Amino acid sequence: MHEWALAEAVVVKAAEISADAHLDAVSRVVIRIGELQEVSREAFEFGLTSAAALTPGFEQAEFVFETDPATFTCRPCGRAWTLDETRGEMAEEDREMIHLLPDTVHVLVSCPSCASPDFVIAGGRGVTLAEVEGE
């Protein structure tokens, strides 16, 4: 499971940030997960909790999740838009397909202004360590 490796990497990086900030204990870690990122939230949370339990100073850490919205930029016309803007025009099956297989967004979405299927994913991919708090 890549969620375990991802969880371990997040805790290791948070521990580095904590050490650089001279924190003895971490109380809160904010993680941003891209709307188009394929991550099993349940497995990821379990991996974070397990890794934190084995990391000094993280025993009481709370992990907070935020969603990084999917954003796109049309190559031909330059229009920027979000996945939410196109959801109203999409069939329920297509929305579910994007949720299960995020790369299908290139097949199921087009620019709302010029209808071009030639766009870049500008945001909403990846996992970002947004904040580490403690004392």
Foldseek 3Di string as FASTA:
>chain_A
DVLLVVLLVLVVVLVVVCVVVVFQAWAEWEKEAFQQEDDDPVSNVVSNQVNLCVDGRSPNHDYHYDYKWWKKAAPPPGDIDTPVVCVVVDDPVVVVCCNNHVVCCLVGDADPPPRHSHMDGPMRHDMDGDDIDHD
